[in-house]
């Protein structure tokens, strides 16, 4: 009976010690959590690393990074763009059509250029074709409709569509921006509590760096958001006399021979047409050249005849020649 009483007392004593130790650990953990919360979130500068009288840049950066937990809605950030090349036989109408699409889809023209000369300005085919380049920014919601409408301007010879998902980079940059904003606020509060000039200079130097980073990150985010909201469509319009022929992807051997022969005959025809045009256009010059060459040939022929006659005439007797015997 005595042994049972001793065992029961020992068990109760061990249980009491266990409860006491658990209570101490719990109180210690709660105290640490409260201290961390008051130093990292409450904004009390006296609890910041180093305090107002001993600012430490390295330890401060760590607290800022840990304190910021952005709760941003992770919507997709995707940049859409397209390159479209169109050829047309009516250049002016095609350019007007592209410009009309801007109003229709709420787009705006970022840049444009036109090069070349009108077909009526010169006789040489290879030197008259015009081309225009447009950089169009269109709301992302009208991107597909805009590209489809551009394809109706003329014969599309080239089209490429690009997508760039910048979601991860965007929100990483946003997180860094939030961190710098928190650090800026805390630096401003610490600056008001500085007790020495050295501390003030040190904090102001760091504050200048933070503000520079804030401006750079804000500019990057604005640029990305602008590209996300307004897609880019690069349009090239080229003037041609006839549209490029579309050839089937798979052609038989004899079809390829027929295509080559047809192209050769067309090239020969184009050569003689160009030659005939050149002759007609330059006919006045050719006539003047022919007259000049005719006159030159006549002069040369007259000189040759004169020399020939001079060589056949008898030589006149000289005074020192001996008399002839009769």
C-alpha atoms as a PDB file:
ATOM      1  CA  UNK A   1       0.000   0.000   0.000  1.00  0.00           C
ATOM      2  CA  UNK A   2       2.887   2.288   0.859  1.00  0.00           C
ATOM      3  CA  UNK A   3       4.591   1.541  -2.462  1.00  0.00           C
ATOM      4  CA  UNK A   4       1.424   2.417  -4.369  1.00  0.00           C
ATOM      5  CA  UNK A   5       1.185   5.745  -2.571  1.00  0.00           C
ATOM      6  CA  UNK A   6       4.791   6.610  -3.433  1.00  0.00           C
ATOM      7  CA  UNK A   7       4.301   5.756  -7.133  1.00  0.00           C
ATOM      8  CA  UNK A   8       1.134   7.839  -7.304  1.00  0.00           C
ATOM      9  CA  UNK A   9       2.876  10.844  -5.758  1.00  0.00           C
ATOM     10  CA  UNK A  10       5.796  10.507  -8.169  1.00  0.00           C
ATOM     11  CA  UNK A  11       3.424  10.394 -11.133  1.00  0.00           C
ATOM     12  CA  UNK A  12       1.545  13.500  -9.990  1.00  0.00           C
ATOM     13  CA  UNK A  13       4.823  15.367  -9.432  1.00  0.00           C
ATOM     14  CA  UNK A  14       6.066  14.515 -12.965  1.00  0.00           C
ATOM     15  CA  UNK A  15       2.771  15.632 -14.492  1.00  0.00           C
ATOM     16  CA  UNK A  16       2.947  18.929 -12.604  1.00  0.00           C
ATOM     17  CA  UNK A  17       6.503  19.585 -13.835  1.00  0.00           C
ATOM     18  CA  UNK A  18       5.434  18.816 -17.408  1.00  0.00           C
ATOM     19  CA  UNK A  19       2.541  21.287 -17.258  1.00  0.00           C
ATOM     20  CA  UNK A  20       4.774  23.981 -15.808  1.00  0.00           C
ATOM     21  CA  UNK A  21       7.381  23.562 -18.560  1.00  0.00           C
ATOM     22  CA  UNK A  22       4.718  23.649 -21.326  1.00  0.00           C
ATOM     23  CA  UNK A  23       3.227  26.824 -19.892  1.00  0.00           C
ATOM     24  CA  UNK A  24       6.659  28.464 -19.866  1.00  0.00           C
ATOM     25  CA  UNK A  25       7.313  27.564 -23.490  1.00  0.00           C
ATOM     26  CA  UNK A  26       3.908  28.866 -24.529  1.00  0.00           C
ATOM     27  CA  UNK A  27       4.417  32.166 -22.732  1.00  0.00           C
ATOM     28  CA  UNK A  28       7.878  32.520 -24.273  1.00  0.00           C
ATOM     29  CA  UNK A  29       6.575  31.839 -27.824  1.00  0.00           C
ATOM     30  CA  UNK A  30       3.719  34.293 -27.419  1.00  0.00           C
ATOM     31  CA  UNK A  31       6.112  36.900 -26.134  1.00  0.00           C
ATOM     32  CA  UNK A  32       8.432  36.424 -29.110  1.00  0.00           C
ATOM     33  CA  UNK A  33       5.549  36.617 -31.584  1.00  0.00           C
ATOM     34  CA  UNK A  34       4.237  39.786 -29.988  1.00  0.00           C
ATOM     35  CA  UNK A  35       7.694  41.346 -30.064  1.00  0.00           C
ATOM     36  CA  UNK A  36       8.171  40.441 -33.716  1.00  0.00           C
ATOM     37  CA  UNK A  37       4.739  41.791 -34.612  1.00  0.00           C
ATOM     38  CA  UNK A  38       5.288  45.049 -32.755  1.00  0.00           C
ATOM     39  CA  UNK A  39       8.727  45.519 -34.319  1.00  0.00           C
ATOM     40  CA  UNK A  40       7.859  44.456 -37.897  1.00  0.00           C
ATOM     41  CA  UNK A  41       4.281  45.673 -38.438  1.00  0.00           C
ATOM     42  CA  UNK A  42       3.254  48.270 -35.888  1.00  0.00           C
ATOM     43  CA  UNK A  43       5.613  50.852 -37.367  1.00  0.00           C
ATOM     44  CA  UNK A  44       7.235  51.769 -34.009  1.00  0.00           C
ATOM     45  CA  UNK A  45      10.669  52.991 -35.049  1.00  0.00           C
ATOM     46  CA  UNK A  46      12.139  52.382 -31.596  1.00  0.00           C
ATOM     47  CA  UNK A  47      11.779  48.650 -32.229  1.00  0.00           C
ATOM     48  CA  UNK A  48      13.513  48.748 -35.641  1.00  0.00           C
ATOM     49  CA  UNK A  49      16.929  47.083 -35.975  1.00  0.00           C
ATOM     50  CA  UNK A  50      19.604  49.285 -34.465  1.00  0.00           C
ATOM     51  CA  UNK A  51      17.021  51.767 -33.221  1.00  0.00           C
ATOM     52  CA  UNK A  52      16.972  55.422 -34.168  1.00  0.00           C
ATOM     53  CA  UNK A  53      20.399  55.848 -32.638  1.00  0.00           C
ATOM     54  CA  UNK A  54      22.128  52.965 -34.459  1.00  0.00           C
ATOM     55  CA  UNK A  55      20.699  52.392 -37.945  1.00  0.00           C
ATOM     56  CA  UNK A  56      22.031  49.289 -39.716  1.00  0.00           C
ATOM     57  CA  UNK A  57      21.318  49.185 -43.457  1.00  0.00           C
ATOM     58  CA  UNK A  58      21.886  45.448 -43.859  1.00  0.00           C
ATOM     59  CA  UNK A  59      19.587  44.366 -41.041  1.00  0.00           C
ATOM     60  CA  UNK A  60      16.975  46.945 -42.057  1.00  0.00           C
ATOM     61  CA  UNK A  61      16.675  45.535 -45.592  1.00  0.00           C
ATOM     62  CA  UNK A  62      15.987  42.094 -44.181  1.00  0.00           C
ATOM     63  CA  UNK A  63      13.153  43.354 -41.979  1.00  0.00           C
ATOM     64  CA  UNK A  64      11.568  45.201 -44.892  1.00  0.00           C
ATOM     65  CA  UNK A  65      11.607  42.133 -47.138  1.00  0.00           C
ATOM     66  CA  UNK A  66      10.039  39.967 -44.434  1.00  0.00           C
ATOM     67  CA  UNK A  67       7.408  42.522 -43.486  1.00  0.00           C
ATOM     68  CA  UNK A  68       5.940  42.945 -46.991  1.00  0.00           C
ATOM     69  CA  UNK A  69       3.461  40.307 -48.109  1.00  0.00           C
ATOM     70  CA  UNK A  70       1.556  41.808 -51.091  1.00  0.00           C
ATOM     71  CA  UNK A  71      -1.957  40.475 -51.501  1.00  0.00           C
ATOM     72  CA  UNK A  72      -2.303  41.285 -55.218  1.00  0.00           C
ATOM     73  CA  UNK A  73      -4.817  39.668 -57.506  1.00  0.00           C
ATOM     74  CA  UNK A  74      -2.722  37.536 -59.863  1.00  0.00           C
ATOM     75  CA  UNK A  75      -4.471  38.399 -63.112  1.00  0.00           C
ATOM     76  CA  UNK A  76      -2.643  37.375 -66.263  1.00  0.00           C
ATOM     77  CA  UNK A  77      -0.308  39.957 -67.783  1.00  0.00           C
ATOM     78  CA  UNK A  78       0.140  39.044 -71.450  1.00  0.00           C
ATOM     79  CA  UNK A  79       1.528  41.252 -74.220  1.00  0.00           C
ATOM     80  CA  UNK A  80       0.108  40.634 -77.709  1.00  0.00           C
ATOM     81  CA  UNK A  81       1.681  41.889 -80.940  1.00  0.00           C
ATOM     82  CA  UNK A  82       1.489  41.117 -84.653  1.00  0.00           C
ATOM     83  CA  UNK A  83       3.420  41.803 -87.867  1.00  0.00           C
ATOM     84  CA  UNK A  84       1.329  41.906 -91.052  1.00  0.00           C
ATOM     85  CA  UNK A  85       2.593  42.530 -94.606  1.00  0.00           C
ATOM     86  CA  UNK A  86      -0.001  43.430 -97.250  1.00  0.00           C
ATOM     87  CA  UNK A  87       0.385  44.161-100.960  1.00  0.00           C
ATOM     88  CA  UNK A  88      -2.124  46.217-102.917  1.00  0.00           C
ATOM     89  CA  UNK A  89      -2.744  47.457-106.449  1.00  0.00           C
ATOM     90  CA  UNK A  90      -4.492  50.577-105.111  1.00  0.00           C
ATOM     91  CA  UNK A  91      -2.014  52.092-102.691  1.00  0.00           C
ATOM     92  CA  UNK A  92      -3.927  55.244-101.751  1.00  0.00           C
ATOM     93  CA  UNK A  93      -7.133  53.331-101.019  1.00  0.00           C
ATOM     94  CA  UNK A  94      -5.248  50.790 -98.903  1.00  0.00           C
ATOM     95  CA  UNK A  95      -3.629  53.525 -96.803  1.00  0.00           C
ATOM     96  CA  UNK A  96      -6.998  55.187 -96.283  1.00  0.00           C
ATOM     97  CA  UNK A  97      -8.482  51.842 -95.204  1.00  0.00           C
ATOM     98  CA  UNK A  98      -5.782  51.296 -92.594  1.00  0.00           C
ATOM     99  CA  UNK A  99      -6.289  54.784 -91.179  1.00  0.00           C
ATOM    100  CA  UNK A 100     -10.063  54.234 -91.044  1.00  0.00           C
ATOM    101  CA  UNK A 101      -9.528  51.159 -88.863  1.00  0.00           C
ATOM    102  CA  UNK A 102      -7.986  53.324 -86.146  1.00  0.00           C
ATOM    103  CA  UNK A 103     -11.272  55.081 -85.450  1.00  0.00           C
ATOM    104  CA  UNK A 104     -13.315  51.900 -85.802  1.00  0.00           C
ATOM    105  CA  UNK A 105     -11.391  49.944 -83.154  1.00  0.00           C
ATOM    106  CA  UNK A 106     -10.350  52.784 -80.845  1.00  0.00           C
ATOM    107  CA  UNK A 107      -6.688  52.435 -81.800  1.00  0.00           C
ATOM    108  CA  UNK A 108      -4.062  55.115 -82.239  1.00  0.00           C
ATOM    109  CA  UNK A 109      -1.096  55.520 -84.550  1.00  0.00           C
ATOM    110  CA  UNK A 110       2.232  55.372 -82.763  1.00  0.00           C
ATOM    111  CA  UNK A 111       4.284  56.023 -85.919  1.00  0.00           C
ATOM    112  CA  UNK A 112       3.961  55.877 -89.706  1.00  0.00           C
ATOM    113  CA  UNK A 113       6.089  56.413 -92.807  1.00  0.00           C
ATOM    114  CA  UNK A 114       5.576  56.358 -96.587  1.00  0.00           C
ATOM    115  CA  UNK A 115       8.367  55.861 -99.117  1.00  0.00           C
ATOM    116  CA  UNK A 116       8.563  55.664-102.923  1.00  0.00           C
ATOM    117  CA  UNK A 117       6.936  57.608-105.737  1.00  0.00           C
ATOM    118  CA  UNK A 118       3.598  57.467-107.469  1.00  0.00           C
ATOM    119  CA  UNK A 119       3.223  55.345-110.587  1.00  0.00           C
ATOM    120  CA  UNK A 120       2.431  58.480-112.588  1.00  0.00           C
ATOM    121  CA  UNK A 121       5.736  60.165-111.705  1.00  0.00           C
ATOM    122  CA  UNK A 122       8.090  58.001-113.725  1.00  0.00           C
ATOM    123  CA  UNK A 123       8.209  55.526-116.593  1.00  0.00           C
ATOM    124  CA  UNK A 124      10.409  52.939-114.938  1.00  0.00           C
ATOM    125  CA  UNK A 125       8.447  50.197-113.251  1.00  0.00           C
ATOM    126  CA  UNK A 126      11.084  49.110-110.760  1.00  0.00           C
ATOM    127  CA  UNK A 127      11.467  52.616-109.320  1.00  0.00           C
ATOM    128  CA  UNK A 128       7.880  53.659-108.719  1.00  0.00           C
ATOM    129  CA  UNK A 129       6.440  51.289-106.151  1.00  0.00           C
ATOM    130  CA  UNK A 130       5.486  52.844-102.841  1.00  0.00           C
ATOM    131  CA  UNK A 131       5.362  51.321 -99.392  1.00  0.00           C
ATOM    132  CA  UNK A 132       3.941  52.432 -96.059  1.00  0.00           C
ATOM    133  CA  UNK A 133       4.688  51.277 -92.527  1.00  0.00           C
ATOM    134  CA  UNK A 134       2.329  51.736 -89.588  1.00  0.00           C
ATOM    135  CA  UNK A 135       2.870  51.006 -85.891  1.00  0.00           C
ATOM    136  CA  UNK A 136      -0.638  50.774 -84.434  1.00  0.00           C
ATOM    137  CA  UNK A 137      -1.601  50.451 -80.758  1.00  0.00           C
ATOM    138  CA  UNK A 138      -5.006  48.858 -80.312  1.00  0.00           C
ATOM    139  CA  UNK A 139      -6.930  47.948 -77.122  1.00  0.00           C
ATOM    140  CA  UNK A 140      -6.240  44.312 -76.294  1.00  0.00           C
ATOM    141  CA  UNK A 141      -9.947  43.472 -76.516  1.00  0.00           C
ATOM    142  CA  UNK A 142     -10.004  44.532 -80.194  1.00  0.00           C
ATOM    143  CA  UNK A 143      -6.678  42.922 -81.133  1.00  0.00           C
ATOM    144  CA  UNK A 144      -8.110  39.934 -83.041  1.00  0.00           C
ATOM    145  CA  UNK A 145     -10.734  42.019 -84.842  1.00  0.00           C
ATOM    146  CA  UNK A 146      -8.127  44.598 -85.808  1.00  0.00           C
ATOM    147  CA  UNK A 147      -5.705  42.066 -87.292  1.00  0.00           C
ATOM    148  CA  UNK A 148      -8.515  40.381 -89.211  1.00  0.00           C
ATOM    149  CA  UNK A 149      -9.632  43.738 -90.619  1.00  0.00           C
ATOM    150  CA  UNK A 150      -6.090  44.633 -91.722  1.00  0.00           C
ATOM    151  CA  UNK A 151      -5.935  41.423 -93.739  1.00  0.00           C
ATOM    152  CA  UNK A 152      -8.899  42.629 -95.790  1.00  0.00           C
ATOM    153  CA  UNK A 153      -6.965  45.689 -97.002  1.00  0.00           C
ATOM    154  CA  UNK A 154      -5.116  43.700 -99.672  1.00  0.00           C
ATOM    155  CA  UNK A 155      -3.257  40.484-100.378  1.00  0.00           C
ATOM    156  CA  UNK A 156      -1.549  39.266 -97.188  1.00  0.00           C
ATOM    157  CA  UNK A 157       1.957  37.971 -97.878  1.00  0.00           C
ATOM    158  CA  UNK A 158       3.166  37.605 -94.306  1.00  0.00           C
ATOM    159  CA  UNK A 159       1.645  37.456 -90.830  1.00  0.00           C
ATOM    160  CA  UNK A 160       3.159  36.675 -87.437  1.00  0.00           C
ATOM    161  CA  UNK A 161       1.450  36.905 -84.050  1.00  0.00           C
ATOM    162  CA  UNK A 162       3.439  37.019 -80.825  1.00  0.00           C
ATOM    163  CA  UNK A 163       2.444  36.587 -77.172  1.00  0.00           C
ATOM    164  CA  UNK A 164       4.635  37.285 -74.157  1.00  0.00           C
ATOM    165  CA  UNK A 165       3.482  36.294 -70.683  1.00  0.00           C
ATOM    166  CA  UNK A 166       5.042  38.692 -68.166  1.00  0.00           C
ATOM    167  CA  UNK A 167       2.822  37.772 -65.215  1.00  0.00           C
ATOM    168  CA  UNK A 168       5.618  36.465 -63.011  1.00  0.00           C
ATOM    169  CA  UNK A 169       8.015  39.312 -63.812  1.00  0.00           C
ATOM    170  CA  UNK A 170       5.256  41.884 -63.318  1.00  0.00           C
ATOM    171  CA  UNK A 171       4.264  40.733 -59.830  1.00  0.00           C
ATOM    172  CA  UNK A 172       7.874  40.182 -58.751  1.00  0.00           C
ATOM    173  CA  UNK A 173       8.529  43.793 -59.692  1.00  0.00           C
ATOM    174  CA  UNK A 174       5.336  44.880 -57.902  1.00  0.00           C
ATOM    175  CA  UNK A 175       6.510  43.067 -54.764  1.00  0.00           C
ATOM    176  CA  UNK A 176       9.858  44.852 -54.897  1.00  0.00           C
ATOM    177  CA  UNK A 177       8.068  48.149 -55.364  1.00  0.00           C
ATOM    178  CA  UNK A 178       5.919  47.527 -52.284  1.00  0.00           C
ATOM    179  CA  UNK A 179       9.037  46.659 -50.290  1.00  0.00           C
ATOM    180  CA  UNK A 180      10.725  49.904 -51.232  1.00  0.00           C
ATOM    181  CA  UNK A 181       7.582  51.868 -50.358  1.00  0.00           C
ATOM    182  CA  UNK A 182       7.517  50.360 -46.862  1.00  0.00           C
ATOM    183  CA  UNK A 183      11.220  51.057 -46.475  1.00  0.00           C
ATOM    184  CA  UNK A 184      10.720  54.655 -47.578  1.00  0.00           C
ATOM    185  CA  UNK A 185       8.002  55.209 -44.959  1.00  0.00           C
ATOM    186  CA  UNK A 186      10.154  53.754 -42.206  1.00  0.00           C
ATOM    187  CA  UNK A 187      13.201  55.736 -43.267  1.00  0.00           C
ATOM    188  CA  UNK A 188      11.156  58.916 -43.162  1.00  0.00           C
ATOM    189  CA  UNK A 189      10.011  58.092 -39.629  1.00  0.00           C
ATOM    190  CA  UNK A 190      13.584  57.241 -38.567  1.00  0.00           C
ATOM    191  CA  UNK A 191      14.843  60.501 -40.100  1.00  0.00           C
ATOM    192  CA  UNK A 192      12.601  62.477 -37.733  1.00  0.00           C
ATOM    193  CA  UNK A 193      14.156  60.705 -34.717  1.00  0.00           C
ATOM    194  CA  UNK A 194      17.820  61.125 -35.694  1.00  0.00           C
ATOM    195  CA  UNK A 195      20.011  62.453 -32.913  1.00  0.00           C
ATOM    196  CA  UNK A 196      23.255  63.055 -34.838  1.00  0.00           C
ATOM    197  CA  UNK A 197      24.216  64.567 -38.174  1.00  0.00           C
ATOM    198  CA  UNK A 198      26.039  61.379 -39.213  1.00  0.00           C
ATOM    199  CA  UNK A 199      22.894  59.308 -38.741  1.00  0.00           C
ATOM    200  CA  UNK A 200      20.869  61.851 -40.710  1.00  0.00           C
ATOM    201  CA  UNK A 201      23.331  61.790 -43.633  1.00  0.00           C
ATOM    202  CA  UNK A 202      23.382  58.011 -43.652  1.00  0.00           C
ATOM    203  CA  UNK A 203      19.594  57.693 -43.653  1.00  0.00           C
ATOM    204  CA  UNK A 204      19.159  60.407 -46.301  1.00  0.00           C
ATOM    205  CA  UNK A 205      21.677  58.625 -48.518  1.00  0.00           C
ATOM    206  CA  UNK A 206      19.703  55.393 -48.259  1.00  0.00           C
ATOM    207  CA  UNK A 207      16.448  57.299 -48.761  1.00  0.00           C
ATOM    208  CA  UNK A 208      17.800  58.741 -52.020  1.00  0.00           C
ATOM    209  CA  UNK A 209      18.631  55.231 -53.269  1.00  0.00           C
ATOM    210  CA  UNK A 210      15.173  53.980 -52.338  1.00  0.00           C
ATOM    211  CA  UNK A 211      13.468  56.829 -54.176  1.00  0.00           C
ATOM    212  CA  UNK A 212      15.550  56.145 -57.283  1.00  0.00           C
ATOM    213  CA  UNK A 213      14.541  52.466 -57.205  1.00  0.00           C
ATOM    214  CA  UNK A 214      10.895  53.442 -56.708  1.00  0.00           C
ATOM    215  CA  UNK A 215      10.902  55.663 -59.790  1.00  0.00           C
ATOM    216  CA  UNK A 216      12.599  52.997 -61.922  1.00  0.00           C
ATOM    217  CA  UNK A 217      10.224  50.229 -60.845  1.00  0.00           C
ATOM    218  CA  UNK A 218       7.135  52.417 -61.266  1.00  0.00           C
ATOM    219  CA  UNK A 219       8.263  53.346 -64.792  1.00  0.00           C
ATOM    220  CA  UNK A 220       8.802  49.666 -65.651  1.00  0.00           C
ATOM    221  CA  UNK A 221       5.360  48.676 -64.373  1.00  0.00           C
ATOM    222  CA  UNK A 222       3.665  51.537 -66.244  1.00  0.00           C
ATOM    223  CA  UNK A 223       5.385  50.537 -69.472  1.00  0.00           C
ATOM    224  CA  UNK A 224       4.409  46.883 -69.055  1.00  0.00           C
ATOM    225  CA  UNK A 225       0.828  47.747 -68.189  1.00  0.00           C
ATOM    226  CA  UNK A 226       0.614  49.985 -71.263  1.00  0.00           C
ATOM    227  CA  UNK A 227       1.804  47.129 -73.474  1.00  0.00           C
ATOM    228  CA  UNK A 228      -0.688  44.761 -71.841  1.00  0.00           C
ATOM    229  CA  UNK A 229      -3.608  47.162 -72.265  1.00  0.00           C
ATOM    230  CA  UNK A 230      -2.715  48.202 -75.838  1.00  0.00           C
ATOM    231  CA  UNK A 231      -1.408  45.557 -78.219  1.00  0.00           C
ATOM    232  CA  UNK A 232       0.986  46.470 -81.029  1.00  0.00           C
ATOM    233  CA  UNK A 233       0.171  45.792 -84.694  1.00  0.00           C
ATOM    234  CA  UNK A 234       2.933  46.489 -87.236  1.00  0.00           C
ATOM    235  CA  UNK A 235       1.461  46.862 -90.730  1.00  0.00           C
ATOM    236  CA  UNK A 236       3.461  47.121 -93.966  1.00  0.00           C
ATOM    237  CA  UNK A 237       1.572  48.040 -97.157  1.00  0.00           C
ATOM    238  CA  UNK A 238       3.420  47.520-100.455  1.00  0.00           C
ATOM    239  CA  UNK A 239       2.278  48.748-103.862  1.00  0.00           C
ATOM    240  CA  UNK A 240       2.367  46.197-106.717  1.00  0.00           C
ATOM    241  CA  UNK A 241       1.067  45.970-110.262  1.00  0.00           C
ATOM    242  CA  UNK A 242      -0.276  42.473-109.661  1.00  0.00           C
ATOM    243  CA  UNK A 243      -0.636  40.289-106.607  1.00  0.00           C
ATOM    244  CA  UNK A 244       1.878  37.585-105.788  1.00  0.00           C
ATOM    245  CA  UNK A 245       0.664  34.237-107.020  1.00  0.00           C
ATOM    246  CA  UNK A 246      -0.136  31.670-104.383  1.00  0.00           C
ATOM    247  CA  UNK A 247       1.489  28.328-105.226  1.00  0.00           C
ATOM    248  CA  UNK A 248       0.308  25.066-103.741  1.00  0.00           C
ATOM    249  CA  UNK A 249       2.557  23.664-101.057  1.00  0.00           C
ATOM    250  CA  UNK A 250       3.002  20.303-102.839  1.00  0.00           C
ATOM    251  CA  UNK A 251       3.583  20.323-106.609  1.00  0.00           C
ATOM    252  CA  UNK A 252       4.297  17.341-108.854  1.00  0.00           C
ATOM    253  CA  UNK A 253       7.446  17.110-110.955  1.00  0.00           C
ATOM    254  CA  UNK A 254       5.692  18.077-114.203  1.00  0.00           C
ATOM    255  CA  UNK A 255       3.777  20.834-112.460  1.00  0.00           C
ATOM    256  CA  UNK A 256       7.075  22.295-111.284  1.00  0.00           C
ATOM    257  CA  UNK A 257       8.421  22.128-114.876  1.00  0.00           C
ATOM    258  CA  UNK A 258       5.286  23.858-116.126  1.00  0.00           C
ATOM    259  CA  UNK A 259       5.636  26.551-113.450  1.00  0.00           C
ATOM    260  CA  UNK A 260       9.271  27.145-114.387  1.00  0.00           C
ATOM    261  CA  UNK A 261       8.507  27.316-118.131  1.00  0.00           C
ATOM    262  CA  UNK A 262       5.636  29.709-117.536  1.00  0.00           C
ATOM    263  CA  UNK A 263       7.843  31.939-115.382  1.00  0.00           C
ATOM    264  CA  UNK A 264      10.556  31.923-118.068  1.00  0.00           C
ATOM    265  CA  UNK A 265       8.102  32.943-120.807  1.00  0.00           C
ATOM    266  CA  UNK A 266       6.701  35.657-118.583  1.00  0.00           C
ATOM    267  CA  UNK A 267      10.198  36.972-117.926  1.00  0.00           C
ATOM    268  CA  UNK A 268      10.969  36.995-121.654  1.00  0.00           C
ATOM    269  CA  UNK A 269       7.730  38.824-122.329  1.00  0.00           C
ATOM    270  CA  UNK A 270       8.506  41.347-119.597  1.00  0.00           C
ATOM    271  CA  UNK A 271      11.980  41.885-121.071  1.00  0.00           C
ATOM    272  CA  UNK A 272      10.703  42.661-124.566  1.00  0.00           C
ATOM    273  CA  UNK A 273       7.948  44.869-123.198  1.00  0.00           C
ATOM    274  CA  UNK A 274      10.493  46.799-121.184  1.00  0.00           C
ATOM    275  CA  UNK A 275      12.804  46.991-124.215  1.00  0.00           C
ATOM    276  CA  UNK A 276      10.002  48.292-126.445  1.00  0.00           C
ATOM    277  CA  UNK A 277       9.058  50.855-123.815  1.00  0.00           C
ATOM    278  CA  UNK A 278      12.687  51.944-123.545  1.00  0.00           C
ATOM    279  CA  UNK A 279      12.965  52.354-127.310  1.00  0.00           C
ATOM    280  CA  UNK A 280       9.776  54.423-127.530  1.00  0.00           C
ATOM    281  CA  UNK A 281      10.697  56.602-124.571  1.00  0.00           C
ATOM    282  CA  UNK A 282      14.237  57.217-125.850  1.00  0.00           C
ATOM    283  CA  UNK A 283      13.334  57.540-129.556  1.00  0.00           C
ATOM    284  CA  UNK A 284      14.120  61.309-129.759  1.00  0.00           C
ATOM    285  CA  UNK A 285      17.518  60.717-128.223  1.00  0.00           C
ATOM    286  CA  UNK A 286      18.191  57.817-130.563  1.00  0.00           C
ATOM    287  CA  UNK A 287      17.220  59.953-133.618  1.00  0.00           C
ATOM    288  CA  UNK A 288      19.564  62.749-132.580  1.00  0.00           C
ATOM    289  CA  UNK A 289      22.316  60.242-131.997  1.00  0.00           C
ATOM    290  CA  UNK A 290      21.697  58.701-135.435  1.00  0.00           C
ATOM    291  CA  UNK A 291      21.886  62.140-137.112  1.00  0.00           C
ATOM    292  CA  UNK A 292      25.098  62.933-135.276  1.00  0.00           C
ATOM    293  CA  UNK A 293      26.658  59.636-136.234  1.00  0.00           C
ATOM    294  CA  UNK A 294      25.537  60.145-139.872  1.00  0.00           C
ATOM    295  CA  UNK A 295      27.140  63.573-140.044  1.00  0.00           C
ATOM    296  CA  UNK A 296      30.302  62.266-138.424  1.00  0.00           C
ATOM    297  CA  UNK A 297      30.465  59.368-140.895  1.00  0.00           C
ATOM    298  CA  UNK A 298      29.993  61.764-143.827  1.00  0.00           C
ATOM    299  CA  UNK A 299      32.831  64.006-142.628  1.00  0.00           C
ATOM    300  CA  UNK A 300      35.164  61.067-142.136  1.00  0.00           C
ATOM    301  CA  UNK A 301      34.301  59.711-145.604  1.00  0.00           C
ATOM    302  CA  UNK A 302      34.986  63.116-147.207  1.00  0.00           C
ATOM    303  CA  UNK A 303      38.388  63.330-145.551  1.00  0.00           C
ATOM    304  CA  UNK A 304      39.279  59.848-146.739  1.00  0.00           C
ATOM    305  CA  UNK A 305      38.280  60.661-150.324  1.00  0.00           C
ATOM    306  CA  UNK A 306      40.304  63.881-150.300  1.00  0.00           C
ATOM    307  CA  UNK A 307      43.420  62.057-149.164  1.00  0.00           C
ATOM    308  CA  UNK A 308      42.907  59.403-151.764  1.00  0.00           C
ATOM    309  CA  UNK A 309      42.689  61.972-154.576  1.00  0.00           C
ATOM    310  CA  UNK A 310      45.749  63.817-153.316  1.00  0.00           C
ATOM    311  CA  UNK A 311      47.797  60.604-153.469  1.00  0.00           C
ATOM    312  CA  UNK A 312      46.882  59.877-157.109  1.00  0.00           C
ATOM    313  CA  UNK A 313      47.712  63.383-158.605  1.00  0.00           C
ATOM    314  CA  UNK A 314      51.261  63.770-160.485  1.00  0.00           C
ATOM    315  CA  UNK A 315      54.024  65.521-158.596  1.00  0.00           C
ATOM    316  CA  UNK A 316      55.103  69.007-159.899  1.00  0.00           C
ATOM    317  CA  UNK A 317      58.749  69.309-161.329  1.00  0.00           C
ATOM    318  CA  UNK A 318      61.330  70.932-159.091  1.00  0.00           C
ATOM    319  CA  UNK A 319      64.016  73.518-160.172  1.00  0.00           C
ATOM    320  CA  UNK A 320      67.020  71.312-159.315  1.00  0.00           C
ATOM    321  CA  UNK A 321      65.847  68.396-161.451  1.00  0.00           C
ATOM    322  CA  UNK A 322      68.200  67.707-164.519  1.00  0.00           C
ATOM    323  CA  UNK A 323      66.761  68.615-167.931  1.00  0.00           C
ATOM    324  CA  UNK A 324      65.445  65.835-170.020  1.00  0.00           C
ATOM    325  CA  UNK A 325      67.173  65.081-173.389  1.00  0.00           C
ATOM    326  CA  UNK A 326      64.992  65.601-176.368  1.00  0.00           C
END
